Amino acid sequence: MLCEHIDKLSIGLHALKVCFITDGGKHLGLGHVQQSITFAQELLPKANVYFLTKSDETILAKILESGFEAISHKSDADILCHLKATNPDIVIFDKLDVAEGLARDIRQTLSARLVIFTNLTAANRYADIAVTADIGSRFENVRFVDEETKTLYFYGPRYWVLRPEFYEYQRRGKARVTSPERVLLMFGGSDPANLTSASLEQLLLLERTFKIDVVLGAHFCHDDDVLRALQRREGARVNVTVYRDIRNVAELMYGADLVLASPGLSAFEALRVGTPVIVVPHDTLQRDTYQGFMRMLERDELWKLGSMIEKGDYTYPDDEQIARMEIGEGVQELKEVIMRLPTRSKR
């Protein structure tokens, strides 16, 4: 049995033991993993943190590079077994598809408090705290307790967990640019719909010349399409800089005059540092969630991009609707509530 072979992780005696469980990859992107790492860093030094994941070696390496211990498991049963062996004080999920059965088993067999970020399944009903920054409240910031399950819910962009550098660049301030010169393309860790190549090609077709920064995630696998787009516009490629799996995203976003991104964390990061955005959805869930809240182009509408840029038809950080979202301002609130969760006895 796996439990018999798990070496307990080195955990300090005077801090809460916190286990993060998150996944990423080709189809999932890296947003959940990055948010988990960022929030884990927020909990230091009052918590000793380790990670569990069902993802591949790329994701495991990304977590390890951040300085946290991490172990990959093949199944939820193995994860539950590991949790029983290590007995954390708090378990924090960040993923869209937390299995209801796993959440129920954690709640019923462990004394750990359960926190779930960004989940779309019924597993939230077993959580002490559930946090969703973009889906579920039409971007209104809401905090309430479900009287039936006693789960404390946090909804809204206030509860995005952003890395410290995004707040630092926001404090520098930034004026609106009426005629953009530098455009940043960033469509997630994997960009399954290959929005990067489609957007780049459209920008290169425009008569107007831009400096274009292209950020590719660790799981991006459409490099040949990017190369072909550049080869078709050989004279323009000198204005294109391609980056892969970089750490200075906030710097590039701040330096850009416009960011093209998929709906989600990257779009909110850009708005936080003061840069306007146009979002291009990967799927119908993103489209339906963000429609009417951010300026949007679907993939088959990218031919309109030149006209939107000419008109300045973007979502701006100082738009009343965006300012009201208080992007990322609730991190300290989440931290305090989670770290003060009362001890719960096993059922």
Protein backbone atom coordinates (compact mmCIF):
# COMPACT_ATOMS: atom_id res chain seq x y z
CA MET A 1 0.00 0.00 0.00
CA LEU A 2 1.31 3.45 -0.95
CA CYS A 3 0.78 4.80 2.56
CA GLU A 4 3.40 2.42 3.90
CA HIS A 5 6.06 3.90 1.60
CA ILE A 6 5.50 7.63 2.08
CA ASP A 7 8.26 9.43 3.93
CA LYS A 8 6.80 12.22 5.96
CA LEU A 9 7.90 15.64 4.78
CA SER A 10 10.05 17.82 7.01
CA ILE A 11 7.62 20.06 8.86
CA GLY A 12 8.40 22.58 11.58
CA LEU A 13 6.93 22.30 15.03
CA HIS A 14 5.50 25.78 15.51
CA ALA A 15 3.76 26.57 12.22
CA LEU A 16 0.62 25.29 10.60
CA LYS A 17 1.16 22.46 8.15
CA VAL A 18 -0.50 23.36 4.83
CA CYS A 19 -0.87 21.09 1.81
CA PHE A 20 -1.63 22.62 -1.60
CA ILE A 21 -3.14 20.37 -4.28
CA THR A 22 -3.10 21.79 -7.80
CA ASP A 23 -2.76 20.74 -11.43
CA GLY A 24 -1.68 22.24 -14.72
CA GLY A 25 -0.49 21.21 -18.14
CA LYS A 26 -1.17 21.27 -21.85
CA HIS A 27 -4.94 21.58 -21.54
CA LEU A 28 -5.15 23.13 -18.06
CA GLY A 29 -2.57 25.88 -18.41
CA LEU A 30 -0.49 27.15 -15.48
CA GLY A 31 -2.83 29.66 -13.83
CA HIS A 32 -3.89 27.42 -10.96
CA VAL A 33 -0.32 26.34 -10.26
CA GLN A 34 0.98 29.91 -10.26
CA GLN A 35 -1.81 31.16 -8.02
CA SER A 36 -1.14 28.31 -5.59
CA ILE A 37 2.57 29.08 -5.44
CA THR A 38 1.87 32.77 -4.92
CA PHE A 39 -0.60 32.15 -2.11
CA ALA A 40 1.73 29.59 -0.51
CA GLN A 41 4.43 32.26 -0.40
CA GLU A 42 1.94 34.61 1.24
CA LEU A 43 1.45 32.09 4.06
CA LEU A 44 5.16 31.98 4.95
CA PRO A 45 6.62 31.94 7.57
CA LYS A 46 3.48 31.12 9.58
CA ALA A 47 2.95 27.93 7.60
CA ASN A 48 5.06 25.01 6.49
CA VAL A 49 3.87 24.25 2.98
CA TYR A 50 4.10 21.27 0.65
CA PHE A 51 2.41 20.45 -2.65
CA LEU A 52 0.72 17.43 -4.19
CA THR A 53 -0.17 17.23 -7.89
CA LYS A 54 -1.33 14.75 -10.51
CA SER A 55 0.43 16.71 -13.25
CA ASP A 56 3.56 15.91 -15.23
CA GLU A 57 7.23 16.60 -14.58
CA THR A 58 7.05 20.14 -15.99
CA ILE A 59 4.52 21.17 -13.36
CA LEU A 60 6.39 19.33 -10.62
CA ALA A 61 9.60 21.11 -11.61
CA LYS A 62 7.87 24.51 -11.58
CA ILE A 63 6.69 23.94 -8.00
CA LEU A 64 10.08 22.66 -6.86
CA GLU A 65 11.80 25.67 -8.45
CA SER A 66 9.63 27.93 -6.31
CA GLY A 67 11.23 26.41 -3.21
CA PHE A 68 8.43 24.15 -2.01
CA GLU A 69 8.44 20.41 -1.54
CA ALA A 70 6.24 18.63 -4.05
CA ILE A 71 5.21 15.08 -4.89
CA SER A 72 3.29 13.82 -7.91
CA HIS A 73 0.59 11.16 -7.53
CA LYS A 74 -1.37 9.24 -10.14
CA SER A 75 -4.78 9.21 -8.47
CA ASP A 76 -7.02 10.86 -5.89
CA ALA A 77 -6.78 7.69 -3.82
CA ASP A 78 -3.00 8.15 -3.60
CA ILE A 79 -3.47 11.80 -2.66
CA LEU A 80 -5.87 10.89 0.14
CA CYS A 81 -3.45 8.27 1.36
CA HIS A 82 -0.65 10.84 1.42
CA LEU A 83 -2.79 13.30 3.33
CA LYS A 84 -3.57 10.67 5.96
CA ALA A 85 0.15 9.99 6.33
CA THR A 86 1.24 13.63 6.58
CA ASN A 87 -1.81 14.90 8.51
CA PRO A 88 -1.83 18.59 7.44
CA ASP A 89 -3.69 21.28 9.38
CA ILE A 90 -5.08 22.83 6.19
CA VAL A 91 -5.62 21.39 2.71
CA ILE A 92 -5.91 23.93 -0.12
CA PHE A 93 -7.06 22.90 -3.60
CA ASP A 94 -6.70 25.15 -6.63
CA LYS A 95 -8.19 23.46 -9.70
CA LEU A 96 -11.40 23.49 -11.72
CA ASP A 97 -12.36 19.86 -11.20
CA VAL A 98 -11.94 18.88 -7.55
CA ALA A 99 -13.51 15.43 -7.17
CA GLU A 100 -16.51 15.55 -4.88
CA GLY A 101 -15.61 12.18 -3.40
CA LEU A 102 -12.09 13.29 -2.50
CA ALA A 103 -13.35 16.47 -0.84
CA ARG A 104 -15.93 14.46 1.10
CA ASP A 105 -13.32 11.93 2.25
CA ILE A 106 -10.98 14.69 3.41
CA ARG A 107 -13.80 16.31 5.34
CA GLN A 108 -14.92 13.03 6.92
CA THR A 109 -11.62 11.30 7.67
CA LEU A 110 -9.16 14.12 8.41
CA SER A 111 -9.13 16.91 10.94
CA ALA A 112 -7.68 19.25 8.30
CA ARG A 113 -9.63 22.36 7.36
CA LEU A 114 -10.47 22.36 3.66
CA VAL A 115 -10.11 25.37 1.34
CA ILE A 116 -10.96 25.19 -2.38
CA PHE A 117 -10.01 27.80 -5.00
CA THR A 118 -11.45 28.15 -8.51
CA ASN A 119 -13.48 24.94 -8.52
CA LEU A 120 -16.60 24.26 -10.59
CA THR A 121 -17.78 20.99 -9.00
CA ALA A 122 -20.02 20.13 -6.06
CA ALA A 123 -16.89 19.52 -3.97
CA ASN A 124 -17.25 23.09 -2.67
CA ARG A 125 -20.05 21.95 -0.38
CA TYR A 126 -17.49 20.05 1.73
CA ALA A 127 -15.10 23.00 2.02
CA ASP A 128 -14.71 25.27 5.01
CA ILE A 129 -13.89 28.04 2.52
CA ALA A 130 -14.46 28.24 -1.25
CA VAL A 131 -12.95 31.02 -3.37
CA THR A 132 -13.80 31.84 -6.99
CA ALA A 133 -12.47 35.07 -8.48
CA ASP A 134 -14.18 35.17 -11.86
CA ILE A 135 -17.01 32.64 -12.25
CA GLY A 136 -20.26 32.71 -10.33
CA SER A 137 -20.97 36.27 -9.22
CA ARG A 138 -20.88 38.30 -12.47
CA PHE A 139 -17.70 39.93 -11.15
CA GLU A 140 -19.34 41.28 -8.01
CA ASN A 141 -17.28 40.89 -4.84
CA VAL A 142 -19.33 38.83 -2.40
CA ARG A 143 -18.63 37.09 0.90
CA PHE A 144 -21.29 34.90 2.50
CA VAL A 145 -21.92 31.64 4.39
CA ASP A 146 -24.04 28.88 2.86
CA GLU A 147 -26.47 28.12 5.66
CA GLU A 148 -26.90 24.50 4.59
CA THR A 149 -23.25 23.47 4.22
CA LYS A 150 -21.68 26.20 6.41
CA THR A 151 -19.14 26.85 3.66
CA LEU A 152 -17.78 30.40 3.66
CA TYR A 153 -17.74 31.66 0.06
CA PHE A 154 -15.59 34.42 -1.44
CA TYR A 155 -16.57 35.49 -4.94
CA GLY A 156 -15.19 38.18 -7.21
CA PRO A 157 -11.99 39.69 -8.68
CA ARG A 158 -11.04 41.09 -5.28
CA TYR A 159 -9.94 37.54 -4.46
CA TRP A 160 -7.49 36.91 -7.28
CA VAL A 161 -4.11 36.07 -5.78
CA LEU A 162 -1.49 38.11 -7.66
CA ARG A 163 2.26 38.07 -7.26
CA PRO A 164 3.71 41.09 -5.35
CA GLU A 165 5.31 42.63 -8.45
CA PHE A 166 1.90 43.35 -9.99
CA TYR A 167 1.02 45.57 -7.04
CA GLU A 168 4.44 47.22 -7.20
CA TYR A 169 4.03 48.20 -10.86
CA GLN A 170 0.49 49.41 -10.20
CA ARG A 171 1.80 51.80 -7.56
CA ARG A 172 4.09 53.41 -10.14
CA GLY A 173 1.07 54.68 -12.05
CA LYS A 174 0.58 54.75 -15.79
CA ALA A 175 -1.03 57.20 -18.20
CA ARG A 176 -3.36 56.15 -21.01
CA VAL A 177 -1.66 55.75 -24.37
CA THR A 178 -3.79 56.99 -27.27
CA SER A 179 -1.68 55.42 -30.01
CA PRO A 180 -0.20 52.09 -28.87
CA GLU A 181 3.28 51.16 -30.01
CA ARG A 182 3.94 47.96 -28.02
CA VAL A 183 1.51 45.03 -27.85
CA LEU A 184 1.88 41.98 -25.60
CA LEU A 185 0.35 38.60 -26.50
CA MET A 186 -0.15 36.19 -23.60
CA PHE A 187 -2.62 33.32 -23.80
CA GLY A 188 -1.70 31.10 -20.88
CA GLY A 189 0.69 28.30 -20.08
CA SER A 190 -0.47 26.03 -22.89
CA ASP A 191 -2.78 28.07 -25.18
CA PRO A 192 -4.75 25.01 -26.32
CA ALA A 193 -6.69 27.01 -28.96
CA ASN A 194 -3.43 28.47 -30.34
CA LEU A 195 -4.70 32.02 -30.00
CA THR A 196 -1.10 33.21 -29.95
CA SER A 197 -0.43 32.31 -33.59
CA ALA A 198 -3.80 33.59 -34.79
CA SER A 199 -3.41 36.95 -33.01
CA LEU A 200 0.20 37.37 -34.08
CA GLU A 201 -0.67 36.70 -37.70
CA GLN A 202 -3.45 39.27 -37.60
CA LEU A 203 -1.22 41.93 -36.05
CA LEU A 204 1.46 41.31 -38.67
CA LEU A 205 -1.10 41.78 -41.45
CA LEU A 206 -1.89 45.32 -40.33
CA GLU A 207 -0.32 48.21 -42.22
CA ARG A 208 0.66 49.78 -38.95
CA THR A 209 3.83 48.44 -37.31
CA PHE A 210 3.98 47.54 -33.63
CA LYS A 211 6.62 46.22 -31.30
CA ILE A 212 5.15 42.85 -30.35
CA ASP A 213 6.11 40.78 -27.30
CA VAL A 214 4.91 37.17 -27.39
CA VAL A 215 4.93 35.17 -24.16
CA LEU A 216 4.73 31.38 -24.52
CA GLY A 217 4.03 29.17 -21.53
CA ALA A 218 5.90 26.04 -20.51
CA HIS A 219 3.34 23.78 -22.21
CA PHE A 220 2.94 25.77 -25.43
CA CYS A 221 3.29 23.35 -28.34
CA HIS A 222 2.43 25.45 -31.41
CA ASP A 223 5.95 26.80 -32.03
CA ASP A 224 5.86 25.81 -35.71
CA ASP A 225 2.72 27.92 -36.23
CA VAL A 226 4.39 30.94 -34.61
CA LEU A 227 7.44 30.45 -36.82
CA ARG A 228 5.31 30.19 -39.98
CA ALA A 229 3.48 33.40 -39.05
CA LEU A 230 6.83 35.18 -38.75
CA GLN A 231 8.15 33.70 -41.99
CA ARG A 232 5.11 34.90 -43.91
CA ARG A 233 5.91 38.45 -42.79
CA GLU A 234 9.69 38.27 -42.92
CA GLY A 235 10.15 42.04 -42.88
CA ALA A 236 8.09 42.46 -39.71
CA ARG A 237 9.70 39.75 -37.59
CA VAL A 238 12.41 42.16 -36.44
CA ASN A 239 9.68 43.85 -34.39
CA VAL A 240 8.64 40.60 -32.66
CA THR A 241 10.27 39.26 -29.49
CA VAL A 242 9.29 35.78 -28.34
CA TYR A 243 9.71 34.72 -24.69
CA ARG A 244 9.04 31.33 -23.10
CA ASP A 245 8.10 30.55 -19.50
CA ILE A 246 9.48 33.81 -18.10
CA ARG A 247 9.36 35.35 -14.64
CA ASN A 248 9.16 39.06 -15.53
CA VAL A 249 5.58 39.02 -16.82
CA ALA A 250 4.60 42.05 -14.72
CA GLU A 251 7.44 44.07 -16.23
CA LEU A 252 6.36 43.21 -19.79
CA MET A 253 2.71 43.96 -19.03
CA TYR A 254 3.62 47.31 -17.52
CA GLY A 255 5.77 48.17 -20.53
CA ALA A 256 3.05 47.29 -23.03
CA ASP A 257 0.45 49.71 -24.34
CA LEU A 258 -2.07 46.92 -24.95
CA VAL A 259 -2.31 43.29 -23.81
CA LEU A 260 -4.12 40.57 -25.75
CA ALA A 261 -4.91 37.70 -23.39
CA SER A 262 -7.40 34.94 -22.77
CA PRO A 263 -10.05 35.73 -20.14
CA GLY A 264 -8.69 34.91 -16.71
CA LEU A 265 -5.77 35.70 -14.47
CA SER A 266 -3.50 37.24 -17.12
CA ALA A 267 -6.12 39.78 -18.16
CA PHE A 268 -6.61 40.85 -14.55
CA GLU A 269 -2.85 41.06 -13.99
CA ALA A 270 -2.53 43.42 -16.94
CA LEU A 271 -5.36 45.61 -15.67
CA ARG A 272 -3.78 45.68 -12.23
CA VAL A 273 -0.50 47.12 -13.53
CA GLY A 274 -2.42 49.71 -15.55
CA THR A 275 -2.45 48.30 -19.09
CA PRO A 276 -5.65 47.98 -21.16
CA VAL A 277 -6.69 44.61 -22.53
CA ILE A 278 -8.64 42.85 -25.24
CA VAL A 279 -9.57 39.28 -24.34
CA VAL A 280 -9.87 36.36 -26.76
CA PRO A 281 -11.63 33.34 -25.23
CA HIS A 282 -10.36 29.79 -25.53
CA ASP A 283 -13.80 28.24 -25.05
CA THR A 284 -17.49 28.93 -24.50
CA LEU A 285 -17.14 29.04 -20.71
CA GLN A 286 -14.69 31.93 -20.95
CA ARG A 287 -16.79 33.64 -23.60
CA ASP A 288 -20.04 33.41 -21.65
CA THR A 289 -18.42 34.44 -18.35
CA TYR A 290 -16.63 37.53 -19.67
CA GLN A 291 -19.07 38.71 -22.34
CA GLY A 292 -20.19 42.24 -21.48
CA PHE A 293 -17.49 42.76 -18.85
CA MET A 294 -14.36 43.02 -21.01
CA ARG A 295 -13.81 43.97 -24.64
CA MET A 296 -13.72 40.66 -26.42
CA LEU A 297 -12.89 39.23 -29.82
CA GLU A 298 -13.53 35.60 -30.62
CA ARG A 299 -10.94 33.79 -32.71
CA ASP A 300 -12.96 34.12 -35.91
CA GLU A 301 -13.35 37.87 -35.28
CA LEU A 302 -9.65 38.69 -35.03
CA TRP A 303 -9.87 40.46 -38.38
CA LYS A 304 -11.51 43.30 -36.41
CA LEU A 305 -8.39 43.81 -34.32
CA GLY A 306 -6.97 46.65 -36.42
CA SER A 307 -10.18 48.64 -36.17
CA MET A 308 -10.37 48.15 -32.39
CA ILE A 309 -6.79 49.32 -31.96
CA GLU A 310 -7.43 52.35 -34.18
CA LYS A 311 -10.45 53.32 -32.05
CA GLY A 312 -8.86 52.50 -28.69
CA ASP A 313 -11.71 50.07 -28.12
CA TYR A 314 -10.25 48.24 -25.11
CA THR A 315 -11.01 47.47 -21.50
CA TYR A 316 -9.17 50.10 -19.47
CA PRO A 317 -8.01 49.78 -15.85
CA ASP A 318 -9.79 53.00 -14.89
CA ASP A 319 -13.14 52.00 -16.42
CA GLU A 320 -15.72 52.37 -13.66
CA GLN A 321 -16.74 48.72 -13.89
CA ILE A 322 -13.13 47.53 -13.61
CA ALA A 323 -12.17 49.89 -10.78
CA ARG A 324 -15.14 48.58 -8.81
CA MET A 325 -13.73 45.04 -9.04
CA GLU A 326 -10.84 45.85 -6.64
CA ILE A 327 -8.62 43.34 -8.46
CA GLY A 328 -6.47 41.34 -6.06
CA GLU A 329 -7.12 43.50 -3.02
CA GLY A 330 -8.55 40.66 -0.91
CA VAL A 331 -5.44 38.52 -0.49
CA GLN A 332 -4.74 39.65 3.07
CA GLU A 333 -8.38 39.07 3.96
CA LEU A 334 -8.21 35.50 2.61
CA LYS A 335 -4.93 34.84 4.39
CA GLU A 336 -6.23 35.98 7.76
CA VAL A 337 -9.47 34.02 7.51
CA ILE A 338 -7.81 30.81 6.32
CA MET A 339 -5.03 30.86 8.91
CA ARG A 340 -7.53 31.44 11.71
CA LEU A 341 -9.87 28.60 10.81
CA PRO A 342 -10.78 26.74 14.02
CA THR A 343 -9.57 23.20 14.52
CA ARG A 344 -12.14 20.64 13.44
CA SER A 345 -12.48 17.14 14.88
CA LYS A 346 -12.73 14.10 12.65
CA ARG A 347 -16.27 12.98 11.97
